[in-house]
């Protein structure tokens, strides 16, 4: 594996993001609304603008991605919308690096209380978010009361 690079994602990355997601057949395809999301045309429940995303690259191939936006859902100020890392690249800190990039962006937006919908079909999801300081809000949602704490981990 080469050095993993990170950069801001754009709607031009959606096809590569979709291909990345297909590397894990158990995860299912990427959200078909992702292009509209990055283009500011699809708005998850209570989502606000602006929004951003980041991709992780190995040799210019997308191997992971994250996206998030401002929100009022659950009285939060930000929401982590998408997070995925291709199976061969898991357990190497890439997901945590992506969360830190999004956390930094959210802090710059003045959004500290951030929520994430935890996929219960992914046994690693809840422990991962807990390891980054999120706490359960309800059965499906976790929250960081101050996402800036992720930047110190």
N, C-alpha and C. Protein backbone atom coordinates (compact mmCIF):
# COMPACT_ATOMS: atom_id res chain seq x y z
N UNK A 1 0.84 -1.18 0.00
CA UNK A 1 0.00 0.00 0.00
C UNK A 1 0.89 1.24 0.00
N UNK A 2 0.50 2.21 -0.82
CA UNK A 2 1.19 3.49 -0.85
C UNK A 2 0.71 4.34 0.32
N UNK A 3 1.29 5.52 0.44
CA UNK A 3 0.82 6.46 1.45
C UNK A 3 -0.61 6.88 1.11
N UNK A 4 -1.48 6.85 2.09
CA UNK A 4 -2.86 7.27 1.89
C UNK A 4 -2.92 8.79 1.95
N UNK A 5 -3.55 9.37 0.94
CA UNK A 5 -3.74 10.82 0.88
C UNK A 5 -5.22 11.13 1.07
N UNK A 6 -5.50 12.31 1.57
CA UNK A 6 -6.87 12.75 1.82
C UNK A 6 -7.09 14.08 1.11
N UNK A 7 -8.29 14.27 0.59
CA UNK A 7 -8.65 15.55 0.00
C UNK A 7 -10.15 15.74 0.08
N UNK A 8 -10.58 16.97 -0.17
CA UNK A 8 -12.00 17.29 -0.18
C UNK A 8 -12.66 16.53 -1.33
N UNK A 9 -13.82 15.97 -1.08
CA UNK A 9 -14.59 15.26 -2.11
C UNK A 9 -15.50 16.24 -2.84
N UNK A 10 -15.76 15.93 -4.09
CA UNK A 10 -16.70 16.72 -4.89
C UNK A 10 -17.68 15.78 -5.56
N UNK A 11 -18.66 16.35 -6.23
CA UNK A 11 -19.63 15.52 -6.96
C UNK A 11 -18.94 14.72 -8.06
N UNK A 12 -17.77 15.17 -8.53
CA UNK A 12 -17.02 14.43 -9.54
C UNK A 12 -16.47 13.11 -8.99
N UNK A 13 -16.43 12.96 -7.67
CA UNK A 13 -15.92 11.74 -7.05
C UNK A 13 -17.00 10.67 -6.85
N UNK A 14 -18.23 10.98 -7.14
CA UNK A 14 -19.32 10.07 -6.79
C UNK A 14 -19.17 8.70 -7.45
N UNK A 15 -18.78 8.63 -8.70
CA UNK A 15 -18.62 7.32 -9.35
C UNK A 15 -17.51 6.52 -8.69
N UNK A 16 -16.41 7.15 -8.33
CA UNK A 16 -15.31 6.46 -7.65
C UNK A 16 -15.73 6.03 -6.24
N UNK A 17 -16.54 6.86 -5.59
CA UNK A 17 -17.06 6.52 -4.26
C UNK A 17 -17.97 5.29 -4.38
N UNK A 18 -18.81 5.27 -5.40
CA UNK A 18 -19.71 4.13 -5.60
C UNK A 18 -18.90 2.86 -5.87
N UNK A 19 -17.85 2.97 -6.66
CA UNK A 19 -16.99 1.81 -6.94
C UNK A 19 -16.30 1.34 -5.68
N UNK A 20 -15.86 2.26 -4.85
CA UNK A 20 -15.23 1.92 -3.58
C UNK A 20 -16.19 1.12 -2.71
N UNK A 21 -17.42 1.58 -2.63
CA UNK A 21 -18.43 0.92 -1.79
C UNK A 21 -18.66 -0.53 -2.25
N UNK A 22 -18.56 -0.78 -3.55
CA UNK A 22 -18.79 -2.13 -4.07
C UNK A 22 -17.69 -3.12 -3.69
N UNK A 23 -16.60 -2.63 -3.09
CA UNK A 23 -15.54 -3.54 -2.64
C UNK A 23 -15.99 -4.38 -1.45
N UNK A 24 -17.10 -4.02 -0.84
CA UNK A 24 -17.65 -4.79 0.28
C UNK A 24 -19.07 -5.21 -0.08
N UNK A 25 -19.24 -6.43 -0.61
CA UNK A 25 -20.58 -6.86 -1.05
C UNK A 25 -21.61 -6.89 0.08
N UNK A 26 -21.16 -7.00 1.31
CA UNK A 26 -22.12 -7.02 2.42
C UNK A 26 -22.64 -5.62 2.75
N UNK A 27 -21.95 -4.58 2.30
CA UNK A 27 -22.35 -3.21 2.60
C UNK A 27 -23.46 -2.71 1.69
N UNK A 28 -23.61 -3.33 0.53
CA UNK A 28 -24.60 -2.84 -0.43
C UNK A 28 -24.05 -1.65 -1.19
N UNK A 29 -24.76 -1.23 -2.21
CA UNK A 29 -24.27 -0.10 -3.03
C UNK A 29 -24.31 1.22 -2.28
N UNK A 30 -23.56 2.17 -2.79
CA UNK A 30 -23.58 3.52 -2.22
C UNK A 30 -24.96 4.13 -2.41
N UNK A 31 -25.29 5.05 -1.56
CA UNK A 31 -26.56 5.76 -1.64
C UNK A 31 -26.69 6.41 -3.02
N UNK A 32 -27.72 6.06 -3.79
CA UNK A 32 -27.85 6.63 -5.13
C UNK A 32 -28.11 8.14 -5.13
N UNK A 33 -28.44 8.68 -3.98
CA UNK A 33 -28.68 10.13 -3.87
C UNK A 33 -27.40 10.91 -3.57
N UNK A 34 -26.26 10.21 -3.55
CA UNK A 34 -25.01 10.85 -3.15
C UNK A 34 -24.62 12.00 -4.08
N UNK A 35 -24.80 11.85 -5.38
CA UNK A 35 -24.46 12.94 -6.31
C UNK A 35 -25.32 14.17 -5.99
N UNK A 36 -26.59 13.95 -5.75
CA UNK A 36 -27.48 15.06 -5.39
C UNK A 36 -27.08 15.65 -4.05
N UNK A 37 -26.64 14.81 -3.11
CA UNK A 37 -26.19 15.30 -1.80
C UNK A 37 -25.00 16.23 -1.97
N UNK A 38 -23.97 15.77 -2.70
CA UNK A 38 -22.79 16.60 -2.89
C UNK A 38 -23.10 17.84 -3.72
N UNK A 39 -24.09 17.74 -4.60
CA UNK A 39 -24.50 18.89 -5.40
C UNK A 39 -25.43 19.85 -4.68
N UNK A 40 -25.77 19.54 -3.42
CA UNK A 40 -26.65 20.40 -2.63
C UNK A 40 -28.11 20.27 -3.02
N UNK A 41 -28.47 19.18 -3.71
CA UNK A 41 -29.85 18.99 -4.18
C UNK A 41 -30.63 17.97 -3.36
N UNK A 42 -29.94 17.11 -2.62
CA UNK A 42 -30.60 16.14 -1.73
C UNK A 42 -30.32 16.56 -0.30
N UNK A 43 -31.38 16.67 0.48
CA UNK A 43 -31.25 17.15 1.85
C UNK A 43 -31.83 16.10 2.81
N UNK A 44 -30.96 15.38 3.54
CA UNK A 44 -31.47 14.48 4.56
C UNK A 44 -32.33 15.25 5.56
N UNK A 45 -33.13 14.53 6.31
CA UNK A 45 -34.07 15.15 7.25
C UNK A 45 -33.35 16.17 8.13
N UNK A 46 -33.86 17.38 8.14
CA UNK A 46 -33.38 18.50 8.96
C UNK A 46 -31.95 18.93 8.63
N UNK A 47 -31.44 18.52 7.46
CA UNK A 47 -30.10 18.93 7.04
C UNK A 47 -30.11 20.39 6.63
N UNK A 48 -28.98 21.03 6.90
CA UNK A 48 -28.77 22.42 6.51
C UNK A 48 -27.52 22.48 5.63
N UNK A 49 -27.39 23.54 4.88
CA UNK A 49 -26.15 23.80 4.17
C UNK A 49 -25.26 24.60 5.10
N UNK A 50 -23.97 24.55 4.98
CA UNK A 50 -23.22 23.82 3.97
C UNK A 50 -22.99 22.37 4.36
N UNK A 51 -22.36 21.66 3.45
CA UNK A 51 -21.96 20.27 3.67
C UNK A 51 -20.60 20.06 3.03
N UNK A 52 -19.96 18.99 3.42
CA UNK A 52 -18.65 18.69 2.86
C UNK A 52 -18.42 17.20 2.87
N UNK A 53 -17.37 16.79 2.23
CA UNK A 53 -16.95 15.40 2.23
C UNK A 53 -15.46 15.33 1.97
N UNK A 54 -14.90 14.19 2.29
CA UNK A 54 -13.48 13.94 2.06
C UNK A 54 -13.33 12.53 1.52
N UNK A 55 -12.31 12.33 0.71
CA UNK A 55 -11.98 10.99 0.23
C UNK A 55 -10.58 10.63 0.68
N UNK A 56 -10.37 9.34 0.90
CA UNK A 56 -9.06 8.78 1.16
C UNK A 56 -8.61 8.10 -0.13
N UNK A 57 -7.38 8.35 -0.52
CA UNK A 57 -6.87 7.86 -1.80
C UNK A 57 -5.61 7.03 -1.62
N UNK A 58 -5.55 5.92 -2.34
CA UNK A 58 -4.34 5.13 -2.46
C UNK A 58 -4.04 5.07 -3.96
N UNK A 59 -2.94 5.70 -4.37
CA UNK A 59 -2.59 5.73 -5.79
C UNK A 59 -3.72 6.30 -6.65
N UNK A 60 -4.33 7.34 -6.17
CA UNK A 60 -5.41 8.05 -6.85
C UNK A 60 -6.74 7.28 -6.90
N UNK A 61 -6.80 6.11 -6.28
CA UNK A 61 -8.06 5.35 -6.19
C UNK A 61 -8.73 5.66 -4.87
N UNK A 62 -10.03 5.91 -4.90
CA UNK A 62 -10.79 6.16 -3.67
C UNK A 62 -10.88 4.86 -2.89
N UNK A 63 -10.41 4.90 -1.65
CA UNK A 63 -10.46 3.72 -0.78
C UNK A 63 -11.33 3.97 0.45
N UNK A 64 -11.82 5.20 0.59
CA UNK A 64 -12.68 5.54 1.70
C UNK A 64 -13.25 6.93 1.51
N UNK A 65 -14.33 7.20 2.24
CA UNK A 65 -14.95 8.52 2.13
C UNK A 65 -15.79 8.82 3.36
N UNK A 66 -16.03 10.10 3.53
CA UNK A 66 -16.88 10.59 4.61
C UNK A 66 -17.59 11.84 4.10
N UNK A 67 -18.77 12.09 4.61
CA UNK A 67 -19.48 13.33 4.28
C UNK A 67 -20.33 13.71 5.48
N UNK A 68 -20.57 15.00 5.60
CA UNK A 68 -21.41 15.50 6.68
C UNK A 68 -21.92 16.89 6.38
N UNK A 69 -22.83 17.32 7.21
CA UNK A 69 -23.49 18.61 7.00
C UNK A 69 -23.94 19.19 8.33
N UNK A 70 -24.37 20.42 8.27
CA UNK A 70 -25.00 21.05 9.43
C UNK A 70 -26.42 20.52 9.52
N UNK A 71 -27.00 20.55 10.72
CA UNK A 71 -28.33 19.98 10.92
C UNK A 71 -28.97 20.57 12.17
N UNK A 72 -30.25 20.29 12.32
CA UNK A 72 -30.95 20.55 13.57
C UNK A 72 -31.53 19.25 14.14
N UNK A 73 -31.24 18.13 13.48
CA UNK A 73 -31.76 16.83 13.93
C UNK A 73 -31.27 16.53 15.34
N UNK A 74 -32.15 16.07 16.20
CA UNK A 74 -31.83 15.73 17.58
C UNK A 74 -31.13 16.87 18.32
N UNK A 75 -31.47 18.09 17.96
CA UNK A 75 -30.86 19.28 18.57
C UNK A 75 -29.34 19.30 18.40
N UNK A 76 -28.87 18.63 17.35
CA UNK A 76 -27.45 18.67 17.03
C UNK A 76 -27.18 19.83 16.08
N UNK A 77 -25.92 20.10 15.89
CA UNK A 77 -25.49 21.18 15.00
C UNK A 77 -24.85 20.63 13.73
N UNK A 78 -24.43 19.37 13.79
CA UNK A 78 -23.80 18.72 12.64
C UNK A 78 -24.15 17.25 12.62
N UNK A 79 -24.00 16.66 11.44
CA UNK A 79 -24.31 15.24 11.29
C UNK A 79 -23.28 14.59 10.37
N UNK A 80 -22.79 13.45 10.78
CA UNK A 80 -21.95 12.62 9.93
C UNK A 80 -22.92 11.79 9.08
N UNK A 81 -22.92 12.01 7.77
CA UNK A 81 -23.89 11.38 6.88
C UNK A 81 -23.40 10.06 6.30
N UNK A 82 -22.18 10.03 5.80
CA UNK A 82 -21.62 8.84 5.16
C UNK A 82 -20.22 8.59 5.70
N UNK A 83 -19.88 7.32 5.91
CA UNK A 83 -18.51 6.92 6.24
C UNK A 83 -18.32 5.50 5.75
N UNK A 84 -17.26 5.30 4.97
CA UNK A 84 -16.97 3.96 4.46
C UNK A 84 -15.48 3.87 4.16
N UNK A 85 -14.91 2.70 4.46
CA UNK A 85 -13.53 2.39 4.09
C UNK A 85 -13.56 0.99 3.47
N UNK A 86 -12.88 0.84 2.31
CA UNK A 86 -12.82 -0.45 1.63
C UNK A 86 -12.17 -1.50 2.53
N UNK A 87 -12.68 -2.74 2.50
CA UNK A 87 -12.19 -3.79 3.42
C UNK A 87 -10.67 -3.96 3.51
N UNK A 88 -9.91 -3.93 2.40
CA UNK A 88 -8.46 -4.13 2.57
C UNK A 88 -7.76 -3.01 3.34
N UNK A 89 -8.44 -1.91 3.54
CA UNK A 89 -7.82 -0.75 4.18
C UNK A 89 -8.34 -0.51 5.61
N UNK A 90 -9.18 -1.39 6.08
CA UNK A 90 -9.74 -1.21 7.43
C UNK A 90 -8.71 -1.54 8.50
N UNK A 91 -8.96 -1.05 9.70
CA UNK A 91 -8.10 -1.28 10.86
C UNK A 91 -6.72 -0.65 10.68
N UNK A 92 -6.65 0.43 9.89
CA UNK A 92 -5.39 1.12 9.67
C UNK A 92 -5.48 2.60 10.03
N UNK A 93 -6.58 2.99 10.66
CA UNK A 93 -6.73 4.37 11.10
C UNK A 93 -7.32 5.31 10.05
N UNK A 94 -7.69 4.79 8.90
CA UNK A 94 -8.22 5.63 7.83
C UNK A 94 -9.57 6.21 8.21
N UNK A 95 -10.46 5.39 8.75
CA UNK A 95 -11.78 5.90 9.16
C UNK A 95 -11.64 6.98 10.22
N UNK A 96 -10.77 6.76 11.20
CA UNK A 96 -10.56 7.77 12.24
C UNK A 96 -10.00 9.05 11.64
N UNK A 97 -9.10 8.94 10.67
CA UNK A 97 -8.57 10.14 10.02
C UNK A 97 -9.66 10.88 9.27
N UNK A 98 -10.54 10.15 8.61
CA UNK A 98 -11.67 10.78 7.91
C UNK A 98 -12.59 11.50 8.90
N UNK A 99 -12.87 10.85 10.03
CA UNK A 99 -13.72 11.49 11.04
C UNK A 99 -13.05 12.76 11.56
N UNK A 100 -11.75 12.73 11.75
CA UNK A 100 -11.04 13.93 12.22
C UNK A 100 -11.13 15.07 11.20
N UNK A 101 -11.02 14.74 9.92
CA UNK A 101 -11.16 15.78 8.89
C UNK A 101 -12.54 16.41 8.94
N UNK A 102 -13.57 15.57 9.06
CA UNK A 102 -14.93 16.10 9.14
C UNK A 102 -15.12 16.88 10.44
N UNK A 103 -14.58 16.36 11.54
CA UNK A 103 -14.69 17.05 12.82
C UNK A 103 -14.06 18.44 12.74
N UNK A 104 -12.91 18.53 12.12
CA UNK A 104 -12.24 19.83 11.98
C UNK A 104 -13.13 20.79 11.19
N UNK A 105 -13.71 20.31 10.10
CA UNK A 105 -14.61 21.16 9.29
C UNK A 105 -15.82 21.61 10.12
N UNK A 106 -16.40 20.68 10.86
CA UNK A 106 -17.58 21.02 11.68
C UNK A 106 -17.22 22.05 12.74
N UNK A 107 -16.08 21.89 13.39
CA UNK A 107 -15.64 22.87 14.39
C UNK A 107 -15.48 24.24 13.73
N UNK A 108 -14.90 24.28 12.54
CA UNK A 108 -14.75 25.55 11.82
C UNK A 108 -16.11 26.19 11.51
N UNK A 109 -17.14 25.36 11.37
CA UNK A 109 -18.49 25.86 11.12
C UNK A 109 -19.19 26.29 12.41
N UNK A 110 -18.54 26.04 13.56
CA UNK A 110 -19.15 26.36 14.85
C UNK A 110 -20.10 25.28 15.32
N UNK A 111 -19.99 24.09 14.77
CA UNK A 111 -20.87 22.97 15.12
C UNK A 111 -20.12 21.99 16.00
N UNK A 112 -20.49 21.92 17.26
CA UNK A 112 -19.82 21.03 18.19
C UNK A 112 -20.63 19.77 18.50
N UNK A 113 -21.94 19.92 18.67
CA UNK A 113 -22.79 18.77 18.97
C UNK A 113 -23.15 18.10 17.64
N UNK A 114 -22.63 16.87 17.47
CA UNK A 114 -22.72 16.19 16.18
C UNK A 114 -23.28 14.79 16.38
N UNK A 115 -24.22 14.41 15.51
CA UNK A 115 -24.83 13.08 15.61
C UNK A 115 -24.47 12.22 14.40
N UNK A 116 -24.62 10.91 14.58
CA UNK A 116 -24.38 9.95 13.51
C UNK A 116 -25.36 8.79 13.69
N UNK A 117 -25.94 8.36 12.58
CA UNK A 117 -26.80 7.19 12.58
C UNK A 117 -25.90 5.97 12.52
N UNK A 118 -26.00 5.10 13.51
CA UNK A 118 -25.12 3.94 13.60
C UNK A 118 -25.80 2.74 12.95
N UNK A 119 -25.12 2.17 11.96
CA UNK A 119 -25.63 1.01 11.24
C UNK A 119 -25.51 -0.23 12.13
N UNK A 120 -26.62 -0.72 12.62
CA UNK A 120 -26.60 -1.86 13.53
C UNK A 120 -26.23 -3.16 12.82
N UNK A 121 -26.29 -3.17 11.47
CA UNK A 121 -25.87 -4.35 10.71
C UNK A 121 -24.35 -4.44 10.60
N UNK A 122 -23.66 -3.39 10.99
CA UNK A 122 -22.20 -3.38 10.97
C UNK A 122 -21.71 -3.52 12.40
N UNK A 123 -21.22 -4.71 12.77
CA UNK A 123 -20.82 -4.92 14.17
C UNK A 123 -19.68 -4.02 14.64
N UNK A 124 -18.91 -3.47 13.72
CA UNK A 124 -17.79 -2.61 14.12
C UNK A 124 -18.20 -1.15 14.30
N UNK A 125 -19.38 -0.77 13.82
CA UNK A 125 -19.77 0.65 13.81
C UNK A 125 -19.86 1.24 15.22
N UNK A 126 -20.67 0.67 16.07
CA UNK A 126 -20.86 1.24 17.41
C UNK A 126 -19.55 1.29 18.19
N UNK A 127 -18.76 0.21 18.24
CA UNK A 127 -17.49 0.29 18.97
C UNK A 127 -16.54 1.36 18.38
N UNK A 128 -16.57 1.53 17.06
CA UNK A 128 -15.73 2.54 16.43
C UNK A 128 -16.12 3.94 16.91
N UNK A 129 -17.40 4.26 16.85
CA UNK A 129 -17.83 5.59 17.28
C UNK A 129 -17.60 5.80 18.78
N UNK A 130 -17.82 4.75 19.57
CA UNK A 130 -17.53 4.85 21.01
C UNK A 130 -16.05 5.14 21.24
N UNK A 131 -15.17 4.50 20.45
CA UNK A 131 -13.73 4.71 20.62
C UNK A 131 -13.32 6.14 20.31
N UNK A 132 -14.16 6.85 19.54
CA UNK A 132 -13.88 8.25 19.21
C UNK A 132 -14.65 9.21 20.11
N UNK A 133 -15.28 8.68 21.16
CA UNK A 133 -15.92 9.54 22.15
C UNK A 133 -17.40 9.81 21.97
N UNK A 134 -18.03 9.21 20.95
CA UNK A 134 -19.48 9.37 20.80
C UNK A 134 -20.18 8.55 21.87
N UNK A 135 -21.38 8.96 22.22
CA UNK A 135 -22.18 8.23 23.20
C UNK A 135 -23.56 7.96 22.60
N UNK A 136 -24.21 6.87 23.02
CA UNK A 136 -25.54 6.57 22.48
C UNK A 136 -26.54 7.67 22.81
N UNK A 137 -27.32 8.03 21.81
CA UNK A 137 -28.43 8.96 21.96
C UNK A 137 -29.73 8.16 22.05
N UNK A 138 -29.83 7.15 21.21
CA UNK A 138 -30.92 6.18 21.23
C UNK A 138 -30.41 4.92 20.52
N UNK A 139 -31.29 4.02 20.18
CA UNK A 139 -30.86 2.74 19.61
C UNK A 139 -30.05 2.91 18.32
N UNK A 140 -30.40 3.87 17.50
CA UNK A 140 -29.78 4.01 16.18
C UNK A 140 -28.84 5.21 16.05
N UNK A 141 -28.83 6.09 17.02
CA UNK A 141 -28.06 7.33 16.88
C UNK A 141 -27.07 7.50 18.03
N UNK A 142 -25.88 7.97 17.68
CA UNK A 142 -24.86 8.33 18.65
C UNK A 142 -24.59 9.82 18.49
N UNK A 143 -24.00 10.41 19.53
CA UNK A 143 -23.75 11.85 19.50
C UNK A 143 -22.42 12.17 20.18
N UNK A 144 -21.76 13.17 19.62
CA UNK A 144 -20.63 13.80 20.29
C UNK A 144 -21.16 15.11 20.84
N UNK A 145 -21.06 15.30 22.13
CA UNK A 145 -21.50 16.58 22.69
C UNK A 145 -20.54 17.69 22.31
N UNK A 146 -19.28 17.32 22.01
CA UNK A 146 -18.27 18.26 21.54
C UNK A 146 -17.34 17.51 20.59
N UNK A 147 -17.61 17.61 19.31
CA UNK A 147 -16.84 16.87 18.30
C UNK A 147 -15.36 17.25 18.31
N UNK A 148 -15.02 18.40 18.89
CA UNK A 148 -13.61 18.80 18.90
C UNK A 148 -12.76 17.81 19.70
N UNK A 149 -13.38 17.02 20.58
CA UNK A 149 -12.62 16.04 21.35
C UNK A 149 -12.01 14.99 20.42
N UNK A 150 -12.61 14.75 19.26
CA UNK A 150 -12.08 13.78 18.30
C UNK A 150 -10.72 14.24 17.79
N UNK A 151 -10.50 15.54 17.72
CA UNK A 151 -9.25 16.07 17.20
C UNK A 151 -8.09 15.80 18.15
N UNK A 152 -8.39 15.46 19.40
CA UNK A 152 -7.34 15.21 20.40
C UNK A 152 -7.04 13.72 20.55
N UNK A 153 -7.76 12.87 19.83
CA UNK A 153 -7.57 11.42 19.97
C UNK A 153 -6.58 10.89 18.97
